[in-house]
C-alpha atoms as a PDB file:
ATOM      1  CA  UNK A   1     111.555 113.089  85.589  1.00  0.00           C
ATOM      2  CA  UNK A   2     112.041 117.044  86.610  1.00  0.00           C
ATOM      3  CA  UNK A   3     113.860 116.871  90.156  1.00  0.00           C
ATOM      4  CA  UNK A   4     113.639 119.319  93.107  1.00  0.00           C
ATOM      5  CA  UNK A   5     115.809 119.640  96.592  1.00  0.00           C
ATOM      6  CA  UNK A   6     114.519 119.584  99.576  1.00  0.00           C
ATOM      7  CA  UNK A   7     116.660 120.083 103.190  1.00  0.00           C
ATOM      8  CA  UNK A   8     116.044 117.469 105.449  1.00  0.00           C
ATOM      9  CA  UNK A   9     117.472 118.366 108.972  1.00  0.00           C
ATOM     10  CA  UNK A  10     119.517 120.595 107.293  1.00  0.00           C
ATOM     11  CA  UNK A  11     121.137 118.416 104.200  1.00  0.00           C
ATOM     12  CA  UNK A  12     119.712 119.356 100.759  1.00  0.00           C
ATOM     13  CA  UNK A  13     118.211 116.300  98.595  1.00  0.00           C
ATOM     14  CA  UNK A  14     117.393 115.617  95.682  1.00  0.00           C
ATOM     15  CA  UNK A  15     114.305 114.259  94.727  1.00  0.00           C
ATOM     16  CA  UNK A  16     111.664 113.769  92.333  1.00  0.00           C
ATOM     17  CA  UNK A  17     108.813 115.213  91.634  1.00  0.00           C
ATOM     18  CA  UNK A  18     106.165 114.213  93.085  1.00  0.00           C
ATOM     19  CA  UNK A  19     107.446 112.694  96.188  1.00  0.00           C
ATOM     20  CA  UNK A  20     104.783 112.071  99.360  1.00  0.00           C
ATOM     21  CA  UNK A  21     106.483 112.743 102.792  1.00  0.00           C
ATOM     22  CA  UNK A  22     105.822 108.887 103.366  1.00  0.00           C
ATOM     23  CA  UNK A  23     107.520 108.179 100.055  1.00  0.00           C
ATOM     24  CA  UNK A  24     110.357 110.124 101.569  1.00  0.00           C
ATOM     25  CA  UNK A  25     110.551 108.240 105.225  1.00  0.00           C
ATOM     26  CA  UNK A  26     110.196 105.145 103.059  1.00  0.00           C
ATOM     27  CA  UNK A  27     113.434 106.235 100.847  1.00  0.00           C
ATOM     28  CA  UNK A  28     115.060 107.442 104.511  1.00  0.00           C
ATOM     29  CA  UNK A  29     113.728 104.037 105.803  1.00  0.00           C
ATOM     30  CA  UNK A  30     112.010 105.618 108.968  1.00  0.00           C
ATOM     31  CA  UNK A  31     109.172 102.773 108.458  1.00  0.00           C
ATOM     32  CA  UNK A  32     107.771 103.496 112.231  1.00  0.00           C
ATOM     33  CA  UNK A  33     104.995 105.738 112.585  1.00  0.00           C
ATOM     34  CA  UNK A  34     106.698 107.244 116.050  1.00  0.00           C
ATOM     35  CA  UNK A  35     107.659 110.013 113.940  1.00  0.00           C
ATOM     36  CA  UNK A  36     107.105 113.856 113.971  1.00  0.00           C
ATOM     37  CA  UNK A  37     107.312 115.642 110.350  1.00  0.00           C
ATOM     38  CA  UNK A  38     108.095 119.877 110.613  1.00  0.00           C
ATOM     39  CA  UNK A  39     107.253 120.555 107.095  1.00  0.00           C
ATOM     40  CA  UNK A  40     108.586 124.832 106.530  1.00  0.00           C
ATOM     41  CA  UNK A  41     107.671 124.844 110.511  1.00  0.00           C
ATOM     42  CA  UNK A  42     104.270 123.366 110.943  1.00  0.00           C
ATOM     43  CA  UNK A  43     103.865 120.070 111.532  1.00  0.00           C
ATOM     44  CA  UNK A  44     102.465 117.645 109.740  1.00  0.00           C
ATOM     45  CA  UNK A  45     100.087 115.157 111.166  1.00  0.00           C
ATOM     46  CA  UNK A  46     100.907 111.334 110.368  1.00  0.00           C
ATOM     47  CA  UNK A  47      97.578 110.899 108.016  1.00  0.00           C
ATOM     48  CA  UNK A  48      98.537 113.403 106.087  1.00  0.00           C
ATOM     49  CA  UNK A  49     102.200 112.093 105.243  1.00  0.00           C
ATOM     50  CA  UNK A  50     100.786 110.219 102.192  1.00  0.00           C
ATOM     51  CA  UNK A  51      99.091 113.055 100.618  1.00  0.00           C
ATOM     52  CA  UNK A  52     101.279 115.617 101.695  1.00  0.00           C
ATOM     53  CA  UNK A  53     103.449 116.459  98.225  1.00  0.00           C
ATOM     54  CA  UNK A  54     106.956 118.103  98.725  1.00  0.00           C
ATOM     55  CA  UNK A  55     107.735 121.203  96.205  1.00  0.00           C
ATOM     56  CA  UNK A  56     111.208 122.431  95.510  1.00  0.00           C
ATOM     57  CA  UNK A  57     112.871 124.350  98.675  1.00  0.00           C
ATOM     58  CA  UNK A  58     110.638 122.764 100.997  1.00  0.00           C
ATOM     59  CA  UNK A  59     112.209 122.280 104.435  1.00  0.00           C
ATOM     60  CA  UNK A  60     111.547 119.579 106.901  1.00  0.00           C
ATOM     61  CA  UNK A  61     112.382 118.148 110.108  1.00  0.00           C
ATOM     62  CA  UNK A  62     112.172 114.636 110.649  1.00  0.00           C
ATOM     63  CA  UNK A  63     112.271 113.645 114.378  1.00  0.00           C
ATOM     64  CA  UNK A  64     111.722 109.862 115.377  1.00  0.00           C
ATOM     65  CA  UNK A  65     110.172 109.113 118.531  1.00  0.00           C
ATOM     66  CA  UNK A  66     111.848 107.463 120.629  1.00  0.00           C
ATOM     67  CA  UNK A  67     110.519 105.345 124.309  1.00  0.00           C
ATOM     68  CA  UNK A  68     112.511 104.677 127.221  1.00  0.00           C
ATOM     69  CA  UNK A  69     112.484 105.676 131.013  1.00  0.00           C
END
């Protein structure tokens, strides 16, 4: 199986080809819906995480949202 390299929050990460944002979040053990994902400078809505397949060289910023006051 081929691999690709993406950058998550500035860190290089090697993944199998065909991985979606949802699968990446699972690998990173981010299980909350309260997460913002920016892919190549564009916000990806939660509803599209499962269908958005990552490509070699993609740059992602992943931010978990924390409530409080």
